[in-house]
């Protein structure tokens, strides 16, 4: 689900989507600052109460005064606790609001990173970054940092009690601030290394999960375990070094704060002995100093979370700028299936060498194009490009005259069908997978797609028919069953363009017959089909053949003419007239 159009419009005009989203919680942020003011003023309650007890109640020995002071102090403590709870609740609401508005963009960006095989996707990418930012905002970190400026307020109060009390506390605060700066620098140097090692470890675990059966069958478990343990040891060693340093700094900070409080007691006692202040000031100054220096302790304790959230914030915002917000597009009419490919060049994500060079061909609705060639010729690259998975690095792909980039990817995906070489079903029922998890799908539409794919009878033989759970990645079905269900999914809602990559690689004779019937039905419905195949038998249903070699077009034209040219090897050559011909 996309964010509301008004918010999307704001995002498109901004270079910082997270900040734009937070601005929508402006009133809540103001409320937090007001609550922080109230909380920090209420903090004076303890020191004032202590000073009044020692300077008023004890000298007068008046119980009414003591009980009155105690009752008033108790009320203020309850109010302070209430406002602190409210501050935490408002921060949690802001975090939830941020997550709600950014989540659709983060999901979109994560999908793009996955398609592009970007290393940032290996640990969850933008979704993990958003979670890191959300957890920090909803946690104690913001409160600790919002209380930091109040150090000056408490130092001023201490100075009002006596200048030397303020000076002593100020010296202590400077020492603690210096420790905070050192903590930041040390963590900053190590954060990138730890993040990189964490990404590699997670990527290794993902590879193990996906290839568990292969690893088991080929006796690679111990080798994989050694690889993981070696990488995990590096990560743990680095984390241990950082944790040790942070623990030392945190301990020094806490010890220093307690020492400063003791020093203030000594200064206060000296001032009392010198007759420059009252005895209650000793205890009041100790409490005030503790409260003045506590935010520094809290900031040091939260610094790792703050540093991680800051890194995630910057990385997430950059990712969203690149991939998060969909462009505004005019809704085009449903295509008829006219396909034009001109000088297409494809460079797979993460690579530098093109797998397709200058591929050109064109066909009319109702055509069935068989794509042939040796392994590595670029057939699967062409299939991915035709359905918009891999964007062209050169040339164009046009559907009914419009480039694929002119279509919204979700709209385009609903109008075309795709059966990849390796069929992966999503966890859910057979019906849900055929309907592409469309919540508005009808039983008639699902059964129609299954019937056109020739898989209706097979589905009825499953334990729960169309409601059979396929399991993770469809593993409860055989490879042949997955491929036939995948074909039904590709044919759902009668797409104008269908791309099938080795659609019969796992099919038995019954599946082959069903596939043949599906191709015939596609031609009757005037849908364009592009079929990548190694099997000669599949070509009998093709109207045209595209012959690829080394990522280039060797021949394109009517089926019989190209097959004859291949058969008469002396005539196999690139034919510009045939490439440019319109079927």
Protein backbone atom coordinates (compact mmCIF):
# COMPACT_ATOMS: atom_id res chain seq x y z
CA UNK A 1 0.00 0.00 0.00
CA UNK A 2 1.41 3.36 -1.05
CA UNK A 3 1.36 6.44 1.22
CA UNK A 4 -1.41 8.96 0.67
CA UNK A 5 -1.03 11.09 -2.45
CA UNK A 6 -0.56 14.29 -0.39
CA UNK A 7 2.37 12.74 1.48
CA UNK A 8 3.85 11.41 -1.76
CA UNK A 9 3.68 14.91 -3.22
CA UNK A 10 5.59 16.25 -0.20
CA UNK A 11 8.17 13.49 -0.57
CA UNK A 12 8.75 14.30 -4.24
CA UNK A 13 9.54 17.91 -3.34
CA UNK A 14 11.91 16.95 -0.53
CA UNK A 15 15.43 15.56 -0.38
CA UNK A 16 14.89 14.10 3.08
CA UNK A 17 11.84 11.87 3.26
CA UNK A 18 12.33 10.97 6.92
CA UNK A 19 12.47 14.61 7.96
CA UNK A 20 9.39 15.32 5.83
CA UNK A 21 7.54 12.51 7.57
CA UNK A 22 8.59 13.76 11.02
CA UNK A 23 7.33 17.24 10.18
CA UNK A 24 3.84 15.77 10.02
CA UNK A 25 4.26 15.01 13.74
CA UNK A 26 5.25 18.60 14.46
CA UNK A 27 2.63 19.12 17.18
CA UNK A 28 3.67 15.91 18.93
CA UNK A 29 7.33 16.99 18.85
CA UNK A 30 6.41 20.35 20.37
CA UNK A 31 4.45 18.48 23.05
CA UNK A 32 7.54 16.42 23.86
CA UNK A 33 9.66 19.53 24.37
CA UNK A 34 6.99 21.05 26.61
CA UNK A 35 6.80 17.83 28.62
CA UNK A 36 10.61 17.80 28.88
CA UNK A 37 10.51 21.32 30.32
CA UNK A 38 7.94 20.24 32.92
CA UNK A 39 9.85 17.05 33.81
CA UNK A 40 13.16 18.85 34.27
CA UNK A 41 11.56 21.57 36.38
CA UNK A 42 9.93 18.90 38.53
CA UNK A 43 13.38 17.36 39.02
CA UNK A 44 14.17 20.30 41.31
CA UNK A 45 11.61 18.85 43.70
CA UNK A 46 14.07 16.47 45.38
CA UNK A 47 16.75 19.06 46.08
CA UNK A 48 14.27 21.72 47.23
CA UNK A 49 12.52 19.21 49.50
CA UNK A 50 15.83 18.14 51.04
CA UNK A 51 16.91 21.74 51.60
CA UNK A 52 13.55 22.69 53.16
CA UNK A 53 13.65 19.71 55.50
CA UNK A 54 17.11 20.55 56.77
CA UNK A 55 16.69 24.33 56.83
CA UNK A 56 13.05 24.62 57.91
CA UNK A 57 11.49 21.46 59.35
CA UNK A 58 14.40 20.27 61.48
CA UNK A 59 15.29 23.64 63.06
CA UNK A 60 11.62 24.38 63.85
CA UNK A 61 10.85 20.75 64.84
CA UNK A 62 7.42 21.34 63.34
CA UNK A 63 5.78 18.07 62.22
CA UNK A 64 3.09 19.92 60.27
CA UNK A 65 5.80 21.57 58.18
CA UNK A 66 7.53 18.21 57.63
CA UNK A 67 4.31 16.40 56.61
CA UNK A 68 3.27 19.31 54.41
CA UNK A 69 6.62 19.30 52.62
CA UNK A 70 6.49 15.51 52.28
CA UNK A 71 2.94 15.55 50.85
CA UNK A 72 3.75 18.28 48.34
CA UNK A 73 6.92 16.47 47.31
CA UNK A 74 5.02 13.19 46.84
CA UNK A 75 2.47 14.90 44.59
CA UNK A 76 5.23 16.38 42.45
CA UNK A 77 6.98 12.98 42.18
CA UNK A 78 3.72 11.40 40.95
CA UNK A 79 3.28 14.22 38.43
CA UNK A 80 6.88 13.83 37.29
CA UNK A 81 6.40 10.10 36.72
CA UNK A 82 3.16 10.74 34.83
CA UNK A 83 4.79 13.22 32.46
CA UNK A 84 7.78 10.95 31.86
CA UNK A 85 5.39 8.14 30.90
CA UNK A 86 3.54 10.54 28.59
CA UNK A 87 6.80 11.61 26.96
CA UNK A 88 7.70 7.98 26.25
CA UNK A 89 4.20 7.32 24.88
CA UNK A 90 4.35 10.33 22.53
CA UNK A 91 7.79 9.26 21.29
CA UNK A 92 6.40 5.77 20.60
CA UNK A 93 3.51 7.33 18.67
CA UNK A 94 5.91 9.44 16.59
CA UNK A 95 8.00 6.34 15.84
CA UNK A 96 4.89 4.41 14.77
CA UNK A 97 3.72 7.29 12.59
CA UNK A 98 7.13 7.51 10.92
CA UNK A 99 7.18 3.78 10.30
CA UNK A 100 3.63 3.83 8.91
CA UNK A 101 4.41 6.55 6.37
CA UNK A 102 7.86 5.30 5.36
CA UNK A 103 7.16 1.54 5.33
CA UNK A 104 5.63 1.42 1.81
CA UNK A 105 8.59 3.36 0.42
CA UNK A 106 11.08 1.15 2.28
CA UNK A 107 9.39 -1.99 0.97
CA UNK A 108 9.51 -0.61 -2.56
CA UNK A 109 13.20 0.31 -2.17
CA UNK A 110 14.01 -3.10 -0.67
CA UNK A 111 12.41 -4.78 -3.67
CA UNK A 112 14.45 -2.65 -6.08
CA UNK A 113 17.66 -3.46 -4.20
CA UNK A 114 16.83 -7.15 -4.34
CA UNK A 115 16.19 -7.00 -8.10
CA UNK A 116 19.48 -5.19 -8.62
CA UNK A 117 21.34 -7.69 -6.41
CA UNK A 118 22.62 -4.79 -4.35
CA UNK A 119 24.76 -5.75 -1.30
CA UNK A 120 22.63 -3.39 0.82
CA UNK A 121 19.75 -5.87 0.50
CA UNK A 122 21.64 -8.71 2.13
CA UNK A 123 20.71 -7.71 5.68
CA UNK A 124 17.22 -6.41 5.04
CA UNK A 125 18.44 -3.09 3.64
CA UNK A 126 15.96 -0.24 4.11
CA UNK A 127 13.60 -2.32 6.23
CA UNK A 128 16.33 -2.97 8.77
CA UNK A 129 17.39 0.68 8.69
CA UNK A 130 13.81 1.81 9.28
CA UNK A 131 13.50 -0.58 12.21
CA UNK A 132 16.73 0.81 13.69
CA UNK A 133 15.47 4.40 13.39
CA UNK A 134 12.05 3.50 14.78
CA UNK A 135 13.47 1.63 17.78
CA UNK A 136 15.75 4.53 18.65
CA UNK A 137 12.94 7.11 18.48
CA UNK A 138 10.64 4.91 20.56
CA UNK A 139 13.38 4.13 23.11
CA UNK A 140 15.04 6.13 25.91
CA UNK A 141 17.62 7.70 23.59
CA UNK A 142 15.71 10.86 22.54
CA UNK A 143 14.74 11.60 26.14
CA UNK A 144 18.38 11.37 27.21
CA UNK A 145 19.50 13.77 24.49
CA UNK A 146 16.61 16.18 25.12
CA UNK A 147 17.68 16.37 28.76
CA UNK A 148 21.28 17.26 27.86
CA UNK A 149 20.70 21.04 27.43
CA UNK A 150 19.22 21.13 30.93
CA UNK A 151 22.67 20.56 32.32
CA UNK A 152 23.21 24.30 31.97
CA UNK A 153 19.98 24.98 33.86
CA UNK A 154 21.01 22.82 36.82
CA UNK A 155 24.53 24.28 36.78
CA UNK A 156 22.97 27.75 36.95
CA UNK A 157 20.86 26.69 39.95
CA UNK A 158 23.96 25.31 41.66
CA UNK A 159 25.79 28.58 40.97
CA UNK A 160 22.87 30.47 42.54
CA UNK A 161 23.31 28.38 45.68
CA UNK A 162 27.02 29.22 45.60
CA UNK A 163 29.44 29.98 42.78
CA UNK A 164 31.95 27.34 43.90
CA UNK A 165 29.29 24.65 43.72
CA UNK A 166 28.59 25.67 40.13
CA UNK A 167 32.30 25.71 39.25
CA UNK A 168 32.88 22.23 40.72
CA UNK A 169 29.90 20.80 38.83
CA UNK A 170 30.98 22.54 35.62
CA UNK A 171 34.44 20.98 35.80
CA UNK A 172 32.85 17.56 36.24
CA UNK A 173 30.47 18.16 33.35
CA UNK A 174 33.38 19.09 31.07
CA UNK A 175 35.17 15.85 31.95
CA UNK A 176 32.05 13.81 31.17
CA UNK A 177 31.45 15.67 27.90
CA UNK A 178 35.04 14.90 26.89
CA UNK A 179 34.35 11.22 27.58
CA UNK A 180 31.24 11.45 25.40
CA UNK A 181 33.26 12.89 22.50
CA UNK A 182 35.88 10.14 22.85
CA UNK A 183 33.10 7.55 22.85
CA UNK A 184 31.68 9.00 19.62
CA UNK A 185 35.03 8.94 17.84
CA UNK A 186 35.84 5.38 18.85
CA UNK A 187 32.43 4.08 17.87
CA UNK A 188 32.48 5.96 14.56
CA UNK A 189 35.74 4.28 13.54
CA UNK A 190 34.44 0.79 14.29
CA UNK A 191 30.82 1.09 13.14
CA UNK A 192 31.46 0.65 9.41
CA UNK A 193 33.69 -2.41 9.94
CA UNK A 194 31.17 -4.07 12.23
CA UNK A 195 28.33 -3.29 9.82
CA UNK A 196 30.24 -4.78 6.88
CA UNK A 197 31.11 -7.96 8.79
CA UNK A 198 27.50 -8.26 9.95
CA UNK A 199 26.27 -8.00 6.37
CA UNK A 200 28.68 -10.70 5.21
CA UNK A 201 27.63 -13.02 8.03
CA UNK A 202 23.92 -12.54 7.30
CA UNK A 203 24.50 -13.09 3.58
CA UNK A 204 26.33 -16.34 4.35
CA UNK A 205 23.41 -17.51 6.51
CA UNK A 206 20.94 -16.68 3.74
CA UNK A 207 23.00 -18.65 1.24
CA UNK A 208 23.05 -21.62 3.61
CA UNK A 209 19.28 -21.48 4.06
CA UNK A 210 18.60 -21.30 0.34
CA UNK A 211 21.09 -24.03 -0.53
CA UNK A 212 20.55 -26.34 2.46
CA UNK A 213 19.67 -29.37 0.35
CA UNK A 214 22.67 -28.95 -1.96
CA UNK A 215 25.01 -28.39 0.98
CA UNK A 216 23.68 -31.56 2.64
CA UNK A 217 23.84 -33.68 -0.51
CA UNK A 218 27.40 -32.66 -1.44
CA UNK A 219 28.86 -32.99 2.05
CA UNK A 220 29.58 -29.27 2.42
CA UNK A 221 28.14 -28.74 5.90
CA UNK A 222 31.46 -28.70 7.76
CA UNK A 223 33.09 -26.44 5.18
CA UNK A 224 30.19 -24.02 5.36
CA UNK A 225 30.31 -24.15 9.15
CA UNK A 226 34.02 -23.30 9.12
CA UNK A 227 33.40 -20.35 6.80
CA UNK A 228 30.66 -19.07 9.11
CA UNK A 229 32.68 -19.57 12.29
CA UNK A 230 35.69 -17.74 10.82
CA UNK A 231 33.55 -14.77 9.79
CA UNK A 232 31.62 -14.83 13.07
CA UNK A 233 34.88 -14.86 15.03
CA UNK A 234 36.05 -11.72 13.21
CA UNK A 235 32.76 -9.98 13.98
CA UNK A 236 32.72 -11.07 17.62
CA UNK A 237 36.33 -9.98 18.09
CA UNK A 238 35.62 -6.54 16.67
CA UNK A 239 32.43 -6.18 18.72
CA UNK A 240 34.24 -7.32 21.85
CA UNK A 241 36.93 -4.67 21.35
CA UNK A 242 34.32 -1.96 20.92
CA UNK A 243 32.22 -3.21 23.85
CA UNK A 244 35.27 -3.35 26.10
CA UNK A 245 36.16 0.24 25.26
CA UNK A 246 32.57 1.43 25.74
CA UNK A 247 32.26 -0.40 29.06
CA UNK A 248 35.49 1.19 30.28
CA UNK A 249 34.33 4.65 29.22
CA UNK A 250 30.87 4.11 30.72
CA UNK A 251 32.39 2.91 33.99
CA UNK A 252 34.75 5.88 34.11
CA UNK A 253 31.78 8.17 33.48
CA UNK A 254 29.70 6.68 36.30
CA UNK A 255 32.65 6.66 38.69
CA UNK A 256 33.47 10.25 37.80
CA UNK A 257 29.88 11.31 38.40
CA UNK A 258 29.88 9.73 41.87
CA UNK A 259 33.25 11.31 42.61
CA UNK A 260 31.94 14.71 41.54
CA UNK A 261 28.92 14.30 43.84
CA UNK A 262 31.27 13.46 46.70
CA UNK A 263 33.45 16.44 45.80
CA UNK A 264 30.38 18.68 45.86
CA UNK A 265 29.53 17.35 49.33
CA UNK A 266 33.04 18.31 50.42
CA UNK A 267 32.72 21.77 48.85
CA UNK A 268 29.29 22.21 50.44
CA UNK A 269 30.59 21.13 53.83
CA UNK A 270 33.49 23.55 53.52
CA UNK A 271 31.06 26.34 52.68
CA UNK A 272 28.86 25.46 55.68
CA UNK A 273 31.87 25.35 57.99
CA UNK A 274 32.93 28.69 56.60
CA UNK A 275 29.46 30.00 57.36
CA UNK A 276 28.76 30.92 53.74
CA UNK A 277 25.68 28.71 53.30
CA UNK A 278 23.20 26.54 55.19
CA UNK A 279 23.44 22.81 55.87
CA UNK A 280 20.55 21.98 53.57
CA UNK A 281 22.55 23.25 50.62
CA UNK A 282 24.95 20.33 51.03
CA UNK A 283 22.27 17.76 50.26
CA UNK A 284 20.46 19.92 47.72
CA UNK A 285 23.68 20.49 45.76
CA UNK A 286 24.47 16.77 45.77
CA UNK A 287 21.05 15.91 44.32
CA UNK A 288 21.23 18.75 41.78
CA UNK A 289 24.72 17.74 40.67
CA UNK A 290 23.60 14.15 40.24
CA UNK A 291 20.66 15.29 38.12
CA UNK A 292 22.82 17.71 36.14
CA UNK A 293 25.36 15.05 35.24
CA UNK A 294 22.94 12.13 34.78
CA UNK A 295 22.02 13.06 31.16
CA UNK A 296 25.68 12.72 30.17
CA UNK A 297 25.76 9.21 31.61
CA UNK A 298 22.53 8.40 29.78
CA UNK A 299 23.88 9.88 26.54
CA UNK A 300 27.01 7.73 26.75
CA UNK A 301 24.88 4.64 27.43
CA UNK A 302 22.68 5.45 24.43
CA UNK A 303 25.49 6.58 22.15
CA UNK A 304 25.81 3.27 20.31
CA UNK A 305 22.09 3.24 19.55
CA UNK A 306 22.23 6.88 18.53
CA UNK A 307 25.22 6.32 16.24
CA UNK A 308 23.57 3.28 14.63
CA UNK A 309 20.29 5.15 14.18
CA UNK A 310 22.09 8.14 12.66
CA UNK A 311 23.89 5.87 10.16
CA UNK A 312 20.63 4.07 9.36
CA UNK A 313 18.83 7.41 8.95
CA UNK A 314 21.34 8.69 6.37
CA UNK A 315 21.51 5.36 4.52
CA UNK A 316 17.74 4.92 4.49
CA UNK A 317 17.13 8.43 3.24
CA UNK A 318 19.65 7.94 0.42
CA UNK A 319 18.04 4.63 -0.54
CA UNK A 320 14.57 6.15 -0.57
CA UNK A 321 15.81 9.03 -2.73
CA UNK A 322 17.00 6.49 -5.31
CA UNK A 323 14.29 3.84 -5.21
CA UNK A 324 11.55 4.68 -2.72
CA UNK A 325 9.11 7.15 -4.26
CA UNK A 326 7.33 6.08 -7.46
CA UNK A 327 7.30 8.53 -10.32
CA UNK A 328 4.01 10.08 -11.41
CA UNK A 329 2.87 8.42 -14.65
CA UNK A 330 -0.11 8.74 -16.96
CA UNK A 331 -2.19 5.56 -16.85
CA UNK A 332 -1.90 3.92 -20.27
CA UNK A 333 -4.54 1.76 -21.92
CA UNK A 334 -4.29 -2.01 -21.67
CA UNK A 335 -1.73 -3.12 -24.28
CA UNK A 336 -2.71 -5.38 -27.16
CA UNK A 337 0.67 -7.13 -27.26
CA UNK A 338 2.61 -5.39 -30.03
CA UNK A 339 6.27 -5.85 -29.07
CA UNK A 340 9.19 -3.82 -30.47
CA UNK A 341 12.77 -4.33 -29.34
CA UNK A 342 15.44 -2.02 -30.77
CA UNK A 343 19.21 -2.20 -30.20
CA UNK A 344 18.69 -3.70 -26.76
CA UNK A 345 21.69 -3.97 -24.47
CA UNK A 346 21.47 -5.61 -21.05
CA UNK A 347 24.07 -5.54 -18.27
CA UNK A 348 22.98 -7.80 -15.38
CA UNK A 349 22.94 -6.14 -11.93
CA UNK A 350 26.30 -6.33 -10.23
CA UNK A 351 28.16 -7.02 -13.47
CA UNK A 352 29.94 -4.86 -16.01
CA UNK A 353 29.84 -7.06 -19.11
CA UNK A 354 26.65 -6.96 -21.24
CA UNK A 355 24.90 -10.24 -21.90
CA UNK A 356 22.87 -8.79 -24.80
CA UNK A 357 24.25 -6.54 -27.54
CA UNK A 358 22.10 -4.67 -30.05
CA UNK A 359 19.18 -7.12 -30.02
CA UNK A 360 16.36 -6.01 -32.31
CA UNK A 361 13.11 -7.69 -33.36
CA UNK A 362 9.40 -6.90 -33.57
CA UNK A 363 6.16 -8.86 -33.58
CA UNK A 364 2.42 -8.29 -33.74
CA UNK A 365 -0.22 -9.44 -31.21
CA UNK A 366 -0.91 -13.16 -31.50
CA UNK A 367 2.70 -14.02 -32.33
CA UNK A 368 4.57 -16.79 -30.55
CA UNK A 369 8.30 -16.18 -30.65
CA UNK A 370 10.57 -19.11 -29.87
CA UNK A 371 13.93 -17.96 -28.50
CA UNK A 372 16.74 -20.44 -29.08
CA UNK A 373 20.50 -20.54 -28.69
CA UNK A 374 23.25 -22.23 -26.74
CA UNK A 375 23.68 -21.83 -23.00
CA UNK A 376 24.97 -18.36 -22.19
CA UNK A 377 23.55 -16.88 -25.38
CA UNK A 378 21.50 -14.35 -23.39
CA UNK A 379 18.06 -15.96 -23.61
CA UNK A 380 17.18 -15.62 -19.91
CA UNK A 381 18.58 -12.07 -19.90
CA UNK A 382 16.17 -11.24 -22.72
CA UNK A 383 13.28 -12.80 -20.79
CA UNK A 384 14.06 -10.73 -17.68
CA UNK A 385 14.36 -7.57 -19.75
CA UNK A 386 11.05 -8.11 -21.57
CA UNK A 387 9.11 -8.23 -18.28
CA UNK A 388 10.92 -5.24 -16.80
CA UNK A 389 13.08 -7.01 -14.22
CA UNK A 390 16.37 -5.83 -15.73
CA UNK A 391 16.25 -2.31 -17.16
CA UNK A 392 18.01 -1.78 -20.52
CA UNK A 393 21.46 -0.22 -20.35
CA UNK A 394 20.96 0.69 -24.00
CA UNK A 395 18.22 0.48 -26.61
CA UNK A 396 14.48 0.22 -25.98
CA UNK A 397 11.70 -2.26 -25.35
CA UNK A 398 8.27 -1.00 -26.39
CA UNK A 399 4.88 -2.52 -25.69
CA UNK A 400 2.22 -1.01 -27.94
CA UNK A 401 4.65 1.83 -28.68
CA UNK A 402 5.35 2.75 -25.04
CA UNK A 403 8.64 1.91 -23.34
CA UNK A 404 8.35 -0.26 -20.25
CA UNK A 405 9.58 2.67 -18.15
CA UNK A 406 6.39 4.57 -19.03
CA UNK A 407 4.35 1.99 -17.14
CA UNK A 408 3.96 1.73 -13.40
CA UNK A 409 5.75 -1.52 -12.55
CA UNK A 410 2.77 -2.97 -10.63
CA UNK A 411 0.33 -2.08 -13.41
CA UNK A 412 2.64 -3.53 -16.05
CA UNK A 413 3.14 -6.67 -13.99
CA UNK A 414 -0.60 -7.23 -13.79
CA UNK A 415 -0.89 -7.01 -17.59
CA UNK A 416 1.86 -9.47 -18.49
CA UNK A 417 2.69 -13.05 -17.56
CA UNK A 418 6.08 -14.47 -16.64
CA UNK A 419 7.27 -17.98 -15.91
CA UNK A 420 10.93 -17.89 -14.81
CA UNK A 421 13.34 -20.74 -15.34
CA UNK A 422 13.34 -21.50 -11.61
CA UNK A 423 9.76 -21.31 -10.36
CA UNK A 424 9.40 -20.00 -6.81
CA UNK A 425 5.94 -19.97 -5.30
CA UNK A 426 5.17 -17.85 -2.26
CA UNK A 427 3.97 -19.38 0.99
CA UNK A 428 0.19 -19.60 0.74
CA UNK A 429 -2.42 -21.63 -1.09
CA UNK A 430 -2.38 -22.76 -4.70
CA UNK A 431 -5.27 -20.38 -5.42
CA UNK A 432 -3.43 -17.42 -3.88
CA UNK A 433 -0.33 -18.12 -5.95
CA UNK A 434 -2.30 -18.43 -9.20
CA UNK A 435 -4.11 -15.15 -8.42
CA UNK A 436 -0.79 -13.47 -7.56
CA UNK A 437 -2.21 -12.86 -4.07
CA UNK A 438 -4.80 -10.46 -5.49
CA UNK A 439 -7.34 -9.87 -2.67
CA UNK A 440 -10.05 -9.13 -5.24
CA UNK A 441 -9.46 -12.31 -7.22
CA UNK A 442 -12.56 -14.36 -8.07
CA UNK A 443 -12.85 -18.13 -8.13
CA UNK A 444 -13.87 -17.94 -11.78
CA UNK A 445 -10.70 -16.06 -12.73
CA UNK A 446 -8.47 -18.48 -10.82
CA UNK A 447 -10.10 -21.57 -12.33
CA UNK A 448 -9.99 -20.01 -15.81
CA UNK A 449 -6.22 -19.46 -15.53
CA UNK A 450 -5.71 -22.99 -14.22
CA UNK A 451 -7.85 -24.41 -17.03
CA UNK A 452 -5.93 -22.51 -19.72
CA UNK A 453 -2.70 -23.84 -18.20
CA UNK A 454 -4.12 -27.36 -18.17
CA UNK A 455 -3.51 -27.74 -14.46
CA UNK A 456 -7.11 -27.67 -13.16
CA UNK A 457 -7.43 -31.47 -12.91
CA UNK A 458 -4.03 -31.79 -11.26
CA UNK A 459 -4.97 -29.19 -8.63
CA UNK A 460 -8.20 -31.03 -7.82
CA UNK A 461 -6.14 -34.13 -7.00
CA UNK A 462 -4.14 -32.27 -4.35
CA UNK A 463 -5.18 -32.88 -0.69
CA UNK A 464 -7.12 -29.62 -0.37
CA UNK A 465 -7.48 -28.72 -4.03
CA UNK A 466 -7.05 -25.02 -4.64
CA UNK A 467 -6.72 -24.42 -0.88
CA UNK A 468 -3.64 -26.65 -0.62
CA UNK A 469 -0.78 -24.89 1.14
CA UNK A 470 2.33 -24.91 -1.05
CA UNK A 471 4.76 -24.24 1.82
CA UNK A 472 7.85 -22.06 1.80
CA UNK A 473 9.02 -21.51 -1.78
CA UNK A 474 6.42 -24.07 -2.88
CA UNK A 475 8.41 -27.01 -1.52
CA UNK A 476 5.31 -29.10 -0.76
CA UNK A 477 4.82 -29.46 -4.50
CA UNK A 478 7.08 -31.28 -6.92
CA UNK A 479 9.17 -29.34 -9.42
CA UNK A 480 6.74 -30.26 -12.20
CA UNK A 481 3.72 -29.22 -10.15
CA UNK A 482 5.35 -25.90 -9.27
CA UNK A 483 6.07 -25.26 -12.93
CA UNK A 484 2.48 -25.95 -13.96
CA UNK A 485 1.06 -23.78 -11.17
CA UNK A 486 3.56 -21.11 -12.21
CA UNK A 487 2.23 -21.33 -15.77
CA UNK A 488 -1.32 -20.79 -14.48
CA UNK A 489 -0.06 -17.78 -12.54
CA UNK A 490 1.51 -16.40 -15.73
CA UNK A 491 -1.80 -16.80 -17.60
CA UNK A 492 -3.95 -15.21 -14.88
CA UNK A 493 -6.28 -12.47 -16.20
CA UNK A 494 -5.33 -13.17 -19.86
CA UNK A 495 -2.15 -11.07 -20.11
CA UNK A 496 -1.28 -9.32 -23.36
CA UNK A 497 2.35 -10.43 -23.21
CA UNK A 498 3.56 -13.75 -21.80
CA UNK A 499 7.24 -14.62 -21.36
CA UNK A 500 8.05 -18.25 -20.61
CA UNK A 501 11.64 -19.21 -19.75
CA UNK A 502 12.17 -22.95 -20.27
CA UNK A 503 8.53 -23.68 -19.39
CA UNK A 504 8.84 -27.43 -19.98
CA UNK A 505 12.11 -28.14 -18.16
CA UNK A 506 10.36 -30.16 -15.41
CA UNK A 507 7.22 -31.32 -17.21
CA UNK A 508 6.07 -34.87 -17.83
CA UNK A 509 4.18 -35.79 -21.06
CA UNK A 510 0.87 -34.63 -19.57
CA UNK A 511 2.46 -31.31 -18.64
CA UNK A 512 3.91 -30.97 -22.15
CA UNK A 513 0.45 -31.42 -23.64
CA UNK A 514 -1.02 -28.84 -21.26
CA UNK A 515 1.71 -26.36 -22.20
CA UNK A 516 1.04 -26.93 -25.90
CA UNK A 517 -2.66 -26.29 -25.38
CA UNK A 518 -1.83 -23.10 -23.44
CA UNK A 519 0.32 -21.79 -26.30
CA UNK A 520 -2.42 -22.50 -28.83
CA UNK A 521 -4.93 -20.71 -26.59
CA UNK A 522 -2.62 -17.69 -26.26
CA UNK A 523 -2.48 -17.38 -30.04
CA UNK A 524 -6.27 -17.61 -30.29
CA UNK A 525 -6.60 -14.81 -27.73
CA UNK A 526 -4.14 -12.66 -29.73
CA UNK A 527 -1.68 -12.55 -26.84
CA UNK A 528 2.00 -12.27 -27.64
CA UNK A 529 4.18 -15.06 -26.23
CA UNK A 530 7.95 -15.23 -26.03
CA UNK A 531 9.12 -18.77 -25.24
CA UNK A 532 12.72 -19.54 -24.32
CA UNK A 533 13.44 -23.20 -24.99
CA UNK A 534 16.11 -25.76 -25.75
CA UNK A 535 13.64 -28.34 -26.99
CA UNK A 536 12.93 -28.62 -30.69
CA UNK A 537 9.41 -29.93 -30.05
CA UNK A 538 8.31 -26.61 -28.55
CA UNK A 539 9.14 -24.76 -31.75
CA UNK A 540 6.28 -26.34 -33.66
CA UNK A 541 3.92 -23.91 -31.92
CA UNK A 542 6.03 -20.84 -32.70
CA UNK A 543 5.12 -18.42 -35.45
CA UNK A 544 8.62 -16.89 -35.36
CA UNK A 545 12.05 -17.78 -34.06
CA UNK A 546 14.72 -15.57 -32.54
CA UNK A 547 18.16 -17.20 -32.68
CA UNK A 548 20.71 -15.77 -30.24
CA UNK A 549 24.44 -16.41 -29.96
CA UNK A 550 26.87 -14.60 -27.67
CA UNK A 551 24.19 -12.05 -26.82
CA UNK A 552 23.54 -11.09 -30.44
CA UNK A 553 20.80 -11.86 -32.95
CA UNK A 554 21.90 -14.48 -35.47
CA UNK A 555 18.51 -14.74 -37.11
CA UNK A 556 14.93 -13.64 -36.62
CA UNK A 557 11.95 -14.34 -38.80
CA UNK A 558 9.15 -16.81 -39.59
CA UNK A 559 9.68 -20.19 -37.97
CA UNK A 560 10.17 -22.31 -41.07
CA UNK A 561 12.55 -19.83 -42.70
CA UNK A 562 14.81 -19.59 -39.66
CA UNK A 563 14.79 -23.35 -39.01
CA UNK A 564 15.72 -23.96 -42.64
CA UNK A 565 18.50 -21.40 -42.37
CA UNK A 566 19.83 -23.12 -39.28
CA UNK A 567 19.59 -26.48 -40.98
CA UNK A 568 21.48 -25.20 -44.00
CA UNK A 569 24.33 -23.88 -41.85
CA UNK A 570 25.85 -22.07 -44.76
CA UNK A 571 22.85 -19.73 -44.73
CA UNK A 572 22.96 -18.98 -40.98
CA UNK A 573 23.92 -15.35 -40.72
CA UNK A 574 22.58 -12.13 -39.25
CA UNK A 575 19.85 -10.81 -41.53
CA UNK A 576 19.09 -7.12 -40.93
CA UNK A 577 16.01 -7.25 -43.12
CA UNK A 578 14.60 -10.12 -41.11
CA UNK A 579 15.50 -8.47 -37.79
CA UNK A 580 13.69 -5.31 -38.74
CA UNK A 581 10.74 -7.03 -40.34
CA UNK A 582 7.38 -6.68 -38.67
CA UNK A 583 5.41 -9.85 -38.40
